[in-house]
Protein backbone atom coordinates (compact mmCIF):
# COMPACT_ATOMS: atom_id res chain seq x y z
CA MET A 1 184.19 106.84 83.33
CA GLY A 2 180.45 107.46 83.65
CA HIS A 3 178.87 110.84 83.08
CA HIS A 4 178.52 113.06 86.15
CA TRP A 5 175.46 115.00 87.19
CA SER A 6 174.84 117.30 90.13
CA PHE A 7 171.87 118.85 91.88
CA GLU A 8 171.28 122.35 93.29
CA SER A 9 168.28 123.93 94.95
CA ALA A 10 167.38 126.54 97.55
CA GLY A 11 169.64 126.51 100.60
CA ARG A 12 166.70 125.54 102.80
CA ILE A 13 163.07 124.73 102.01
CA VAL A 14 160.35 125.13 104.63
CA PHE A 15 156.97 123.72 103.58
CA GLY A 16 153.56 123.67 105.20
CA PRO A 17 150.40 125.63 106.07
CA GLY A 18 151.17 128.62 108.27
CA SER A 19 154.93 128.36 107.78
CA VAL A 20 155.19 131.98 106.61
CA GLU A 21 154.33 133.13 110.13
CA ARG A 22 157.73 131.83 111.24
CA ILE A 23 159.73 133.87 108.75
CA GLY A 24 161.14 136.15 111.46
CA GLU A 25 162.52 133.15 113.34
CA LEU A 26 163.95 131.71 110.13
CA LEU A 27 165.67 134.99 109.24
CA GLN A 28 167.17 135.09 112.72
CA GLN A 29 168.59 131.60 112.20
CA LEU A 30 170.34 132.93 109.11
CA GLY A 31 171.92 135.68 111.19
CA LEU A 32 170.01 138.46 109.42
CA ASN A 33 168.89 141.74 110.99
CA SER A 34 167.01 143.53 108.21
CA CYS A 35 165.28 142.81 104.93
CA LEU A 36 163.70 144.47 101.93
CA LEU A 37 160.35 142.87 101.05
CA ILE A 38 159.33 142.96 97.37
CA SER A 39 155.56 142.63 97.05
CA ASP A 40 152.61 144.19 95.21
CA GLU A 41 149.36 145.88 96.14
CA ASN A 42 147.33 142.66 95.80
CA LEU A 43 149.37 140.97 98.52
CA ALA A 44 149.09 143.63 101.22
CA ASP A 45 147.68 141.23 103.83
CA HIS A 46 150.41 138.64 103.27
CA ALA A 47 153.06 141.37 103.33
CA GLN A 48 151.69 142.54 106.67
CA THR A 49 151.92 138.97 108.04
CA ILE A 50 155.59 138.85 107.08
CA ARG A 51 156.30 142.28 108.51
CA ARG A 52 154.68 141.38 111.84
CA SER A 53 156.66 138.14 112.08
CA VAL A 54 159.92 139.90 111.29
CA GLU A 55 159.31 142.74 113.71
CA ARG A 56 158.31 140.33 116.52
CA CYS A 57 161.87 139.02 116.24
CA ASN A 58 163.25 142.57 116.50
CA LEU A 59 164.31 142.66 112.85
CA SER A 60 163.55 145.54 110.49
CA CYS A 61 161.54 145.19 107.27
CA ALA A 62 161.09 147.75 104.49
CA VAL A 63 158.38 147.02 101.90
CA PHE A 64 158.27 147.80 98.19
CA GLU A 65 154.71 147.25 96.93
CA GLY A 66 155.19 148.11 93.26
CA GLY A 67 155.71 144.61 91.86
CA GLU A 68 154.07 143.82 88.53
CA ALA A 69 153.43 140.84 86.27
CA GLU A 70 156.25 140.13 83.81
CA PRO A 71 158.41 142.85 85.43
CA ARG A 72 160.30 145.16 83.13
CA VAL A 73 164.02 145.70 83.53
CA GLU A 74 163.52 149.32 84.52
CA LEU A 75 161.38 148.29 87.50
CA VAL A 76 164.59 147.39 89.33
CA GLU A 77 165.63 151.04 89.11
CA ARG A 78 162.32 152.03 90.67
CA VAL A 79 162.92 149.68 93.59
CA LEU A 80 166.39 151.13 94.16
CA ALA A 81 165.08 154.69 93.96
CA ASP A 82 162.37 153.83 96.47
CA VAL A 83 164.72 152.35 99.08
CA GLY A 84 167.43 154.98 98.63
CA ASP A 85 170.69 154.29 100.43
CA ARG A 86 169.25 152.07 103.15
CA HIS A 87 171.19 148.92 104.00
CA PHE A 88 169.59 145.47 103.96
CA ASP A 89 170.87 142.03 104.96
CA ALA A 90 168.48 140.19 102.64
CA VAL A 91 165.82 140.64 99.95
CA VAL A 92 162.49 138.83 100.32
CA GLY A 93 160.35 138.11 97.26
CA LEU A 94 156.65 137.60 98.05
CA GLY A 95 154.39 136.60 95.19
CA GLY A 96 154.57 134.70 91.95
CA GLY A 97 157.68 134.27 89.88
CA SER A 98 157.52 137.91 88.83
CA ASN A 99 158.02 139.33 92.32
CA ILE A 100 160.58 136.69 93.24
CA ASP A 101 162.57 137.43 90.07
CA LEU A 102 162.36 141.15 90.81
CA ALA A 103 163.77 140.41 94.27
CA LYS A 104 166.63 138.45 92.69
CA ALA A 105 167.48 141.26 90.30
CA THR A 106 167.34 143.80 93.12
CA ALA A 107 169.67 141.67 95.24
CA VAL A 108 172.16 141.53 92.35
CA VAL A 109 172.31 145.31 91.91
CA LEU A 110 172.36 145.99 95.66
CA SER A 111 175.30 143.58 95.93
CA HIS A 112 177.34 144.53 92.88
CA GLY A 113 176.10 147.90 91.60
CA GLY A 114 175.66 148.82 87.97
CA ALA A 115 172.59 147.83 85.97
CA VAL A 116 170.80 144.52 85.70
CA ALA A 117 171.79 144.18 82.05
CA ASP A 118 175.45 144.11 83.12
CA TYR A 119 174.87 140.59 84.46
CA ALA A 120 172.73 139.15 81.66
CA GLY A 121 173.52 135.64 80.55
CA GLN A 122 174.77 132.56 82.34
CA GLY A 123 177.36 132.73 85.10
CA GLN A 124 177.98 136.47 84.79
CA LEU A 125 177.77 137.39 88.48
CA PRO A 126 181.15 138.46 89.88
CA GLY A 127 180.41 137.04 93.33
CA PRO A 128 177.72 136.16 95.90
CA VAL A 129 174.61 138.29 96.29
CA LEU A 130 172.58 139.29 99.32
CA PRO A 131 170.58 136.34 100.68
CA ILE A 132 167.36 135.94 98.72
CA ILE A 133 164.28 134.69 100.56
CA ALA A 134 161.44 133.41 98.38
CA VAL A 135 157.82 133.18 99.53
CA PRO A 136 155.69 132.01 96.60
CA THR A 137 151.98 132.82 96.55
CA THR A 138 151.33 130.78 93.39
CA ALA A 139 152.02 127.14 92.59
CA GLY A 140 153.85 127.58 89.35
CA SER A 141 157.05 129.41 88.55
CA GLY A 142 159.62 127.39 90.50
CA SER A 143 161.58 130.62 91.03
CA GLU A 144 161.73 129.84 94.75
CA VAL A 145 164.34 127.13 94.04
CA SER A 146 165.85 128.20 90.72
CA GLY A 147 169.00 130.07 89.76
CA ALA A 148 167.24 132.05 87.03
CA CYS A 149 165.86 135.57 86.96
CA ILE A 150 163.77 136.64 83.96
CA LEU A 151 162.79 140.25 83.23
CA SER A 152 160.88 141.73 80.29
CA VAL A 153 162.28 143.98 77.58
CA PRO A 154 159.01 145.09 75.93
CA GLU A 155 160.58 147.34 73.31
CA ASP A 156 162.09 144.40 71.41
CA HIS A 157 159.62 141.66 72.43
CA SER A 158 162.28 139.80 74.40
CA LYS A 159 163.36 138.73 77.86
CA LEU A 160 166.55 139.44 79.77
CA ALA A 161 167.79 136.41 81.68
CA LEU A 162 170.27 136.19 84.54
CA VAL A 163 171.25 132.59 85.23
CA ASP A 164 173.58 131.68 88.08
CA ASN A 165 173.47 129.23 90.98
CA ARG A 166 174.13 132.18 93.29
CA LEU A 167 170.61 133.37 92.46
CA ARG A 168 169.05 130.34 94.12
CA PRO A 169 167.28 131.56 97.26
CA SER A 170 168.96 130.93 100.59
CA LEU A 171 165.51 130.12 101.97
CA ALA A 172 162.23 129.14 100.31
CA ILE A 173 159.07 129.23 102.43
CA VAL A 174 156.26 127.38 100.65
CA ASP A 175 153.03 128.00 102.54
CA PRO A 176 149.99 126.59 100.68
CA GLU A 177 147.66 128.87 102.65
CA LEU A 178 149.11 131.88 100.85
CA GLN A 179 147.86 130.42 97.58
CA ALA A 180 144.23 130.03 98.67
CA SER A 181 143.39 133.63 97.71
CA CYS A 182 144.96 133.29 94.27
CA PRO A 183 142.42 134.18 91.53
CA PRO A 184 141.19 131.17 89.51
CA THR A 185 142.83 132.26 86.26
CA VAL A 186 146.17 132.85 87.97
CA THR A 187 145.85 129.50 89.78
CA ARG A 188 145.17 127.78 86.46
CA ASP A 189 147.94 129.45 84.47
CA ALA A 190 150.53 129.04 87.23
CA GLY A 191 149.63 125.37 87.53
CA ILE A 192 150.00 124.88 83.78
CA ASP A 193 153.41 126.54 83.97
CA ALA A 194 154.49 124.10 86.68
CA PHE A 195 153.13 121.15 84.70
CA CYS A 196 155.10 122.28 81.68
CA HIS A 197 158.27 122.52 83.79
CA ALA A 198 157.81 118.93 84.88
CA VAL A 199 157.12 117.61 81.37
CA GLU A 200 160.03 119.49 79.83
CA ALA A 201 162.33 118.28 82.62
CA LEU A 202 161.28 114.67 81.98
CA THR A 203 161.64 114.87 78.20
CA ILE A 204 164.66 117.16 77.74
CA VAL A 205 167.90 115.81 76.26
CA ASP A 206 169.82 113.32 78.43
CA CYS A 207 172.47 114.63 80.80
CA ALA A 208 175.24 112.78 78.93
CA ASP A 209 174.24 114.50 75.68
CA PHE A 210 173.49 117.97 77.03
CA PRO A 211 175.54 120.56 75.11
CA HIS A 212 177.92 122.66 77.19
CA GLY A 213 181.35 124.15 76.73
CA PRO A 214 184.63 122.71 78.04
CA ASP A 215 184.77 125.52 80.61
CA GLU A 216 181.47 124.36 82.13
CA PRO A 217 182.27 121.11 83.96
CA TRP A 218 179.25 121.65 86.22
CA PRO A 219 176.73 123.68 84.18
CA LEU A 220 173.66 125.04 85.93
CA TYR A 221 171.47 123.31 83.34
CA GLN A 222 172.57 119.79 82.48
CA GLY A 223 169.73 117.75 80.97
CA LYS A 224 167.75 114.92 82.56
CA HIS A 225 169.14 112.38 85.01
CA PRO A 226 167.62 109.83 87.43
CA PHE A 227 167.08 112.26 90.30
CA SER A 228 165.41 114.89 88.12
CA ASP A 229 163.22 112.19 86.57
CA ALA A 230 161.94 111.17 90.01
CA LEU A 231 161.07 114.78 90.88
CA ALA A 232 159.45 115.46 87.51
CA GLU A 233 157.35 112.31 87.53
CA LYS A 234 155.93 113.02 90.98
CA ALA A 235 155.22 116.60 89.96
CA ILE A 236 153.32 115.49 86.84
CA GLU A 237 151.18 113.14 88.91
CA LEU A 238 150.40 115.71 91.63
CA ILE A 239 149.58 118.54 89.23
CA ALA A 240 147.52 116.49 86.78
CA HIS A 241 145.28 115.24 89.59
CA ASN A 242 145.02 118.41 91.67
CA LEU A 243 145.01 121.35 89.25
CA PRO A 244 141.40 120.73 88.10
CA LEU A 245 140.37 120.51 91.77
CA VAL A 246 141.91 123.84 92.83
CA VAL A 247 140.44 125.57 89.78
CA GLN A 248 136.96 124.22 90.50
CA GLU A 249 137.21 124.45 94.30
CA PRO A 250 139.62 127.26 95.27
CA GLY A 251 139.19 126.48 98.96
CA HIS A 252 140.18 122.81 98.64
CA ARG A 253 143.01 122.81 101.19
CA LYS A 254 144.42 119.36 100.46
CA ALA A 255 144.50 119.99 96.72
CA ARG A 256 146.18 123.37 97.32
CA SER A 257 148.85 121.68 99.39
CA GLN A 258 149.38 119.00 96.77
CA MET A 259 149.65 121.64 94.03
CA ALA A 260 152.18 123.60 96.08
CA LEU A 261 154.25 120.45 96.46
CA GLY A 262 153.91 119.54 92.79
CA ALA A 263 155.03 122.98 91.66
CA LEU A 264 157.96 122.88 94.08
CA LEU A 265 159.13 119.49 92.79
CA ALA A 266 158.71 120.63 89.17
CA GLY A 267 160.81 123.70 89.92
CA MET A 268 163.50 121.62 91.56
CA ALA A 269 163.64 119.37 88.50
CA MET A 270 163.60 121.94 85.72
CA SER A 271 166.00 124.32 87.47
CA ASN A 272 168.63 121.58 87.15
CA THR A 273 167.72 119.94 83.85
CA GLY A 274 166.83 123.10 81.99
CA ILE A 275 163.82 123.66 79.73
CA TYR A 276 163.63 123.72 75.97
CA THR A 277 161.32 124.37 73.00
CA VAL A 278 158.11 125.30 74.83
CA HIS A 279 159.79 128.09 76.73
CA ALA A 280 161.85 129.23 73.75
CA LEU A 281 158.57 129.90 71.94
CA THR A 282 156.65 131.14 74.97
CA TYR A 283 158.90 134.16 75.43
CA PRO A 284 158.10 135.74 72.03
CA VAL A 285 154.46 134.60 72.11
CA GLY A 286 154.01 136.31 75.48
CA ALA A 287 155.70 139.47 74.21
CA PHE A 288 153.56 139.60 71.05
CA THR A 289 150.22 138.80 72.72
CA GLY A 290 150.53 139.92 76.33
CA ALA A 291 149.14 136.54 77.39
CA SER A 292 150.31 135.04 80.67
CA HIS A 293 153.42 132.88 80.71
CA GLY A 294 151.48 129.82 81.85
CA ALA A 295 148.77 130.20 79.20
CA CYS A 296 151.44 130.44 76.48
CA ASN A 297 153.17 127.33 77.80
CA GLY A 298 149.91 125.41 77.86
CA VAL A 299 149.04 126.20 74.25
CA LEU A 300 152.52 125.24 73.00
CA LEU A 301 153.18 122.13 75.12
CA PRO A 302 150.97 119.63 73.21
CA ALA A 303 152.50 120.49 69.83
CA VAL A 304 156.04 120.30 71.22
CA LEU A 305 155.33 117.02 73.00
CA ASP A 306 153.90 115.55 69.80
CA PHE A 307 157.08 116.60 67.96
CA VAL A 308 159.55 115.05 70.42
CA ALA A 309 157.47 111.92 71.14
CA PRO A 310 159.19 109.78 68.48
CA VAL A 311 162.45 110.02 70.45
CA ARG A 312 160.82 110.00 73.89
CA ARG A 313 158.39 107.06 73.76
CA PRO A 314 159.16 105.67 77.27
CA GLU A 315 158.72 109.14 78.79
CA GLU A 316 155.49 109.67 76.84
CA ARG A 317 154.10 106.38 78.14
CA ARG A 318 155.09 107.35 81.67
CA ILE A 319 153.33 110.71 81.33
CA LEU A 320 150.15 108.94 80.24
CA GLU A 321 150.39 106.57 83.22
CA LEU A 322 150.94 109.38 85.69
CA MET A 323 147.99 111.33 84.30
CA ASP A 324 145.74 108.24 84.29
CA SER A 325 145.03 109.06 80.66
CA LYS A 326 143.58 106.60 78.15
CA ARG A 327 144.87 108.69 75.28
CA ARG A 328 147.48 107.31 72.89
CA SER A 329 149.63 110.45 72.78
CA GLY A 330 151.01 112.72 75.46
CA GLY A 331 149.93 115.75 73.47
CA ASP A 332 146.30 114.62 73.54
CA ALA A 333 146.49 113.96 77.29
CA VAL A 334 147.74 117.50 77.85
CA ARG A 335 144.96 118.88 75.67
CA ASP A 336 142.45 117.06 77.89
CA LEU A 337 143.98 118.65 80.98
CA LEU A 338 143.78 122.10 79.39
CA ARG A 339 140.11 121.54 78.58
CA ALA A 340 139.44 120.33 82.13
CA VAL A 341 140.71 123.61 83.59
CA GLY A 342 139.22 125.86 80.90
CA ALA A 343 142.57 126.95 79.48
CA PRO A 344 143.13 128.25 75.94
CA LEU A 345 144.03 125.60 73.37
CA THR A 346 145.34 127.67 70.46
CA LEU A 347 147.64 130.60 69.79
CA ARG A 348 144.69 132.24 68.05
CA GLU A 349 142.84 132.30 71.35
CA LEU A 350 145.79 134.16 72.86
CA GLY A 351 145.51 136.84 70.18
CA LEU A 352 148.42 135.82 67.95
CA ARG A 353 147.95 136.70 64.29
CA ARG A 354 148.73 134.21 61.53
CA GLU A 355 151.29 136.57 59.98
CA GLN A 356 153.26 136.54 63.24
CA ILE A 357 153.94 132.79 63.16
CA GLU A 358 157.23 133.00 61.28
CA ALA A 359 158.54 135.77 63.54
CA ILE A 360 157.72 133.70 66.62
CA ALA A 361 159.59 130.71 65.20
CA LYS A 362 162.62 132.79 64.21
CA ILE A 363 162.92 134.44 67.62
CA GLY A 364 162.48 131.12 69.42
CA TYR A 365 164.98 129.39 67.14
CA GLU A 366 167.67 131.92 68.07
CA ILE A 367 167.33 131.20 71.80
CA ARG A 368 169.95 128.47 71.56
CA ARG A 369 170.39 128.08 75.33
CA LEU A 370 166.89 126.58 75.26
CA MET A 371 166.57 125.08 71.79
CA ASN A 372 169.78 123.07 72.24
CA GLY A 373 168.00 121.13 74.98
CA SER A 374 165.48 119.57 72.63
CA PRO A 375 165.82 115.77 72.55
CA ARG A 376 164.98 115.94 68.85
CA PRO A 377 167.13 118.37 66.82
CA THR A 378 164.82 121.00 65.37
CA SER A 379 165.24 123.00 62.17
CA LEU A 380 163.69 126.43 61.73
CA GLU A 381 161.21 124.90 59.28
CA GLN A 382 160.19 122.25 61.83
CA LEU A 383 159.89 124.86 64.57
CA THR A 384 157.63 126.93 62.32
CA GLY A 385 155.51 123.81 61.86
CA ILE A 386 155.20 123.44 65.65
CA VAL A 387 153.98 127.03 65.95
CA GLN A 388 151.54 126.50 63.07
CA ARG A 389 150.19 123.40 64.82
CA ALA A 390 149.68 125.31 68.05
CA TYR A 391 148.01 128.14 66.13
CA ARG A 392 145.39 125.98 64.43
CA GLU A 393 145.01 123.25 67.06
CA ASP A 394 141.21 123.27 66.89
CA ASP A 395 140.88 123.38 63.07
């Protein structure tokens, strides 16, 4: 009998310029009467657009504007303290992956009580959560279609992850116009994050070989398969050709729309296949340096791609084709893209110190849920070599 694979995403995806203005109507169609909107002070205008749309449909909308980048676990408690004992039918996350993940975590605690840490890990939710509505304002994280929620634990340089298909949003509204006001650096780093999702989804271990326990017949992450390959390939093409354009011309509407689509497709792919070495290393690098998630991914991706290339030659050739690159290695093609958008190329540029290399490798190596997805088995010594390569890339 052949190996099975499955596919999950947001319950409904609405895409297109101006689509956020119909959020009230869309919430009505879901039978909802009230929502809690998670936002931040930089998105006040977009939050007001959502509130007006919701209230036009005679629904109520409370707003929490304290979202932050790389949200800490304790921020969920602040949200709950702010809203008190009010009842909500749904939680809306407006912003990048940080605000959407904060909305997911809030929905979990509003639904099941306790603390976020009670549900850490994969498949630890005791039941469904309040409907989550995702409205991304960056083209990057893929959180609008994923079943993952990532929060920061700064005191031990780590991340707390909740992974469950019940965390996939009931509705994702992808409106490229919301991304037009995104600062250039955020646009760049979010786009690199999405590109990394697509490349990791295309090069991760095959579905038939993906490690999972006997009690996981349908794991949330399952390795690559034909459907995920199609999504990842299109995402690589769209992002490689449009990210330099939106960085250089922030008002380029067509490129913005193409980037929004590319990031969406990348998120759909990686949230089913899983991700591997790049992200396993990005988590500690981000904690040690404070650099953005996307910038960390970008610095690490070429070295990881070079390492797995010997067992992923067809995928490497496809990446080069999709990027219209004349380079001979996928790692070099990615380095060219990073240069084109003015992104950092080395861990040194992110502020990592040479003496921290071994600690980064050790922490990343222990994140087995990610490292086990590498198509090329990786020893701690080899992983340290990858980090060293990313550290001295321009030597």
